[in-house]
């Protein structure tokens, strides 16, 4: 979930998703406070890193990072 109860998230361009360091298109849904991304093709096996950067309308920034393994 991505949410800001103060000024609100600055829109879809204020959310950046990186997979293994490369930008991918993450779709921000402000009504559900969620970001979704669906790969266009199967990911290679192994460990992957997903980074999410978000900014609110006041200019505050936050970041989350996750790793996952494709088998």
N, C-alpha and C. Protein backbone atom coordinates (compact mmCIF):
# COMPACT_ATOMS: atom_id res chain seq x y z
N UNK A 1 0.85 -1.18 0.00
CA UNK A 1 0.00 0.00 0.00
C UNK A 1 0.88 1.23 0.00
N UNK A 2 0.40 2.23 -0.68
CA UNK A 2 1.07 3.53 -0.73
C UNK A 2 0.01 4.56 -0.39
N UNK A 3 0.21 5.24 0.73
CA UNK A 3 -0.79 6.24 1.08
C UNK A 3 -0.18 7.36 1.89
N UNK A 4 -0.85 8.50 1.82
CA UNK A 4 -0.47 9.68 2.59
C UNK A 4 -1.77 10.35 3.00
N UNK A 5 -2.03 10.40 4.28
CA UNK A 5 -3.30 10.96 4.76
C UNK A 5 -3.27 12.47 4.84
N UNK A 6 -2.08 13.06 4.63
CA UNK A 6 -1.97 14.52 4.66
C UNK A 6 -2.25 15.12 3.29
N UNK A 7 -1.20 15.41 2.56
CA UNK A 7 -1.34 16.08 1.26
C UNK A 7 -1.71 15.12 0.14
N UNK A 8 -1.53 13.83 0.36
CA UNK A 8 -1.84 12.83 -0.67
C UNK A 8 -0.65 12.56 -1.56
N UNK A 9 -0.68 11.41 -2.21
CA UNK A 9 0.38 11.04 -3.15
C UNK A 9 0.26 11.95 -4.37
N UNK A 10 1.41 12.35 -4.89
CA UNK A 10 1.44 13.33 -5.97
C UNK A 10 0.99 12.85 -7.33
N UNK A 11 0.30 11.74 -7.44
CA UNK A 11 -0.18 11.22 -8.71
C UNK A 11 0.68 10.08 -9.21
N UNK A 12 0.31 9.52 -10.36
CA UNK A 12 1.00 8.33 -10.85
C UNK A 12 2.47 8.60 -11.18
N UNK A 13 2.82 9.82 -11.56
CA UNK A 13 4.22 10.11 -11.86
C UNK A 13 5.05 10.29 -10.59
N UNK A 14 4.44 10.27 -9.42
CA UNK A 14 5.14 10.40 -8.15
C UNK A 14 5.49 9.03 -7.57
N UNK A 15 5.16 7.97 -8.30
CA UNK A 15 5.45 6.61 -7.86
C UNK A 15 6.38 5.98 -8.89
N UNK A 16 7.54 5.53 -8.44
CA UNK A 16 8.53 4.91 -9.33
C UNK A 16 8.80 3.49 -8.84
N UNK A 17 8.74 2.55 -9.77
CA UNK A 17 9.00 1.15 -9.44
C UNK A 17 10.22 0.70 -10.25
N UNK A 18 11.16 0.06 -9.55
CA UNK A 18 12.37 -0.46 -10.20
C UNK A 18 12.46 -1.96 -9.94
N UNK A 19 12.72 -2.72 -10.97
CA UNK A 19 12.96 -4.15 -10.83
C UNK A 19 14.42 -4.40 -11.20
N UNK A 20 15.17 -4.89 -10.25
CA UNK A 20 16.60 -5.13 -10.45
C UNK A 20 17.31 -3.88 -10.97
N UNK A 21 16.89 -2.72 -10.49
CA UNK A 21 17.52 -1.46 -10.84
C UNK A 21 16.99 -0.80 -12.10
N UNK A 22 16.13 -1.48 -12.84
CA UNK A 22 15.57 -0.91 -14.08
C UNK A 22 14.13 -0.48 -13.85
N UNK A 23 13.74 0.70 -14.37
CA UNK A 23 12.37 1.16 -14.17
C UNK A 23 11.37 0.26 -14.91
N UNK A 24 10.25 0.01 -14.24
CA UNK A 24 9.12 -0.71 -14.84
C UNK A 24 7.87 0.12 -14.58
N UNK A 25 6.82 -0.15 -15.33
CA UNK A 25 5.60 0.64 -15.19
C UNK A 25 4.75 0.08 -14.06
N UNK A 26 4.71 0.81 -12.95
CA UNK A 26 3.83 0.45 -11.84
C UNK A 26 2.63 1.37 -11.86
N UNK A 27 1.45 0.80 -11.82
CA UNK A 27 0.22 1.60 -11.88
C UNK A 27 -0.29 1.90 -10.48
N UNK A 28 -0.40 3.19 -10.17
CA UNK A 28 -0.88 3.64 -8.87
C UNK A 28 -2.38 3.85 -8.92
N UNK A 29 -3.10 3.22 -7.98
CA UNK A 29 -4.55 3.39 -7.86
C UNK A 29 -4.82 4.19 -6.58
N UNK A 30 -5.11 5.50 -6.71
CA UNK A 30 -5.30 6.33 -5.52
C UNK A 30 -6.52 5.96 -4.69
N UNK A 31 -7.50 5.30 -5.28
CA UNK A 31 -8.69 4.91 -4.51
C UNK A 31 -8.40 3.72 -3.60
N UNK A 32 -7.49 2.85 -4.02
CA UNK A 32 -7.15 1.66 -3.22
C UNK A 32 -5.81 1.82 -2.52
N UNK A 33 -5.08 2.91 -2.79
CA UNK A 33 -3.75 3.13 -2.22
C UNK A 33 -2.79 1.99 -2.57
N UNK A 34 -2.88 1.49 -3.80
CA UNK A 34 -2.04 0.37 -4.20
C UNK A 34 -1.25 0.70 -5.46
N UNK A 35 -0.15 0.00 -5.61
CA UNK A 35 0.65 0.05 -6.83
C UNK A 35 0.73 -1.38 -7.34
N UNK A 36 0.40 -1.57 -8.62
CA UNK A 36 0.48 -2.90 -9.21
C UNK A 36 1.41 -2.87 -10.41
N UNK A 37 2.02 -4.00 -10.64
CA UNK A 37 2.88 -4.16 -11.81
C UNK A 37 2.79 -5.62 -12.25
N UNK A 38 2.62 -5.82 -13.54
CA UNK A 38 2.57 -7.16 -14.10
C UNK A 38 3.66 -7.28 -15.14
N UNK A 39 4.58 -8.25 -14.99
CA UNK A 39 5.64 -8.40 -15.99
C UNK A 39 5.06 -8.79 -17.34
N UNK A 40 5.68 -8.29 -18.39
CA UNK A 40 5.23 -8.61 -19.75
C UNK A 40 5.65 -10.00 -20.18
N UNK A 41 6.69 -10.52 -19.54
CA UNK A 41 7.15 -11.89 -19.82
C UNK A 41 7.64 -12.50 -18.51
N UNK A 42 7.83 -13.81 -18.54
CA UNK A 42 8.29 -14.50 -17.34
C UNK A 42 9.63 -13.94 -16.89
N UNK A 43 9.80 -13.83 -15.59
CA UNK A 43 11.08 -13.41 -15.03
C UNK A 43 12.03 -14.60 -14.99
N UNK A 44 13.32 -14.33 -15.14
CA UNK A 44 14.30 -15.41 -15.08
C UNK A 44 14.37 -15.92 -13.64
N UNK A 45 14.77 -17.17 -13.51
CA UNK A 45 14.91 -17.75 -12.18
C UNK A 45 16.00 -17.04 -11.41
N UNK A 46 15.81 -16.98 -10.11
CA UNK A 46 16.81 -16.37 -9.25
C UNK A 46 16.21 -15.28 -8.37
N UNK A 47 17.07 -14.58 -7.68
CA UNK A 47 16.66 -13.54 -6.74
C UNK A 47 16.49 -12.22 -7.50
N UNK A 48 15.41 -11.52 -7.21
CA UNK A 48 15.12 -10.22 -7.81
C UNK A 48 14.89 -9.21 -6.70
N UNK A 49 15.13 -7.96 -7.03
CA UNK A 49 14.91 -6.87 -6.07
C UNK A 49 13.89 -5.89 -6.67
N UNK A 50 12.93 -5.51 -5.86
CA UNK A 50 11.91 -4.55 -6.26
C UNK A 50 12.02 -3.34 -5.34
N UNK A 51 12.20 -2.16 -5.93
CA UNK A 51 12.25 -0.91 -5.18
C UNK A 51 11.05 -0.06 -5.57
N UNK A 52 10.45 0.59 -4.60
CA UNK A 52 9.32 1.49 -4.85
C UNK A 52 9.62 2.82 -4.18
N UNK A 53 9.58 3.88 -4.96
CA UNK A 53 9.78 5.24 -4.46
C UNK A 53 8.47 6.00 -4.65
N UNK A 54 8.06 6.74 -3.63
CA UNK A 54 6.83 7.52 -3.72
C UNK A 54 7.05 8.89 -3.11
N UNK A 55 6.36 9.87 -3.66
CA UNK A 55 6.43 11.24 -3.14
C UNK A 55 5.02 11.78 -2.97
N UNK A 56 4.81 12.53 -1.88
CA UNK A 56 3.50 13.16 -1.71
C UNK A 56 3.52 14.56 -2.30
N UNK A 57 2.38 15.21 -2.29
CA UNK A 57 2.26 16.54 -2.90
C UNK A 57 3.05 17.61 -2.15
N UNK A 58 3.43 17.32 -0.90
CA UNK A 58 4.23 18.27 -0.12
C UNK A 58 5.73 18.08 -0.39
N UNK A 59 6.09 17.07 -1.20
CA UNK A 59 7.48 16.84 -1.52
C UNK A 59 8.19 15.82 -0.64
N UNK A 60 7.49 15.25 0.33
CA UNK A 60 8.07 14.20 1.17
C UNK A 60 8.22 12.93 0.35
N UNK A 61 9.32 12.22 0.57
CA UNK A 61 9.59 11.00 -0.19
C UNK A 61 9.73 9.81 0.75
N UNK A 62 9.37 8.64 0.22
CA UNK A 62 9.50 7.40 0.97
C UNK A 62 9.93 6.31 0.00
N UNK A 63 10.54 5.26 0.55
CA UNK A 63 11.02 4.18 -0.28
C UNK A 63 10.82 2.85 0.42
N UNK A 64 10.50 1.84 -0.36
CA UNK A 64 10.41 0.47 0.16
C UNK A 64 11.22 -0.44 -0.74
N UNK A 65 11.77 -1.52 -0.19
CA UNK A 65 12.53 -2.48 -0.98
C UNK A 65 12.14 -3.89 -0.56
N UNK A 66 12.07 -4.75 -1.55
CA UNK A 66 11.75 -6.14 -1.32
C UNK A 66 12.62 -7.00 -2.22
N UNK A 67 12.91 -8.20 -1.76
CA UNK A 67 13.54 -9.19 -2.62
C UNK A 67 12.62 -10.40 -2.68
N UNK A 68 12.66 -11.08 -3.81
CA UNK A 68 11.88 -12.30 -3.98
C UNK A 68 12.64 -13.23 -4.92
N UNK A 69 12.31 -14.48 -4.84
CA UNK A 69 12.99 -15.49 -5.65
C UNK A 69 12.01 -16.15 -6.61
N UNK A 70 12.40 -16.22 -7.87
CA UNK A 70 11.63 -16.95 -8.88
C UNK A 70 12.29 -18.31 -9.03
N UNK A 71 11.49 -19.36 -8.90
CA UNK A 71 12.03 -20.74 -9.01
C UNK A 71 11.50 -21.41 -10.24
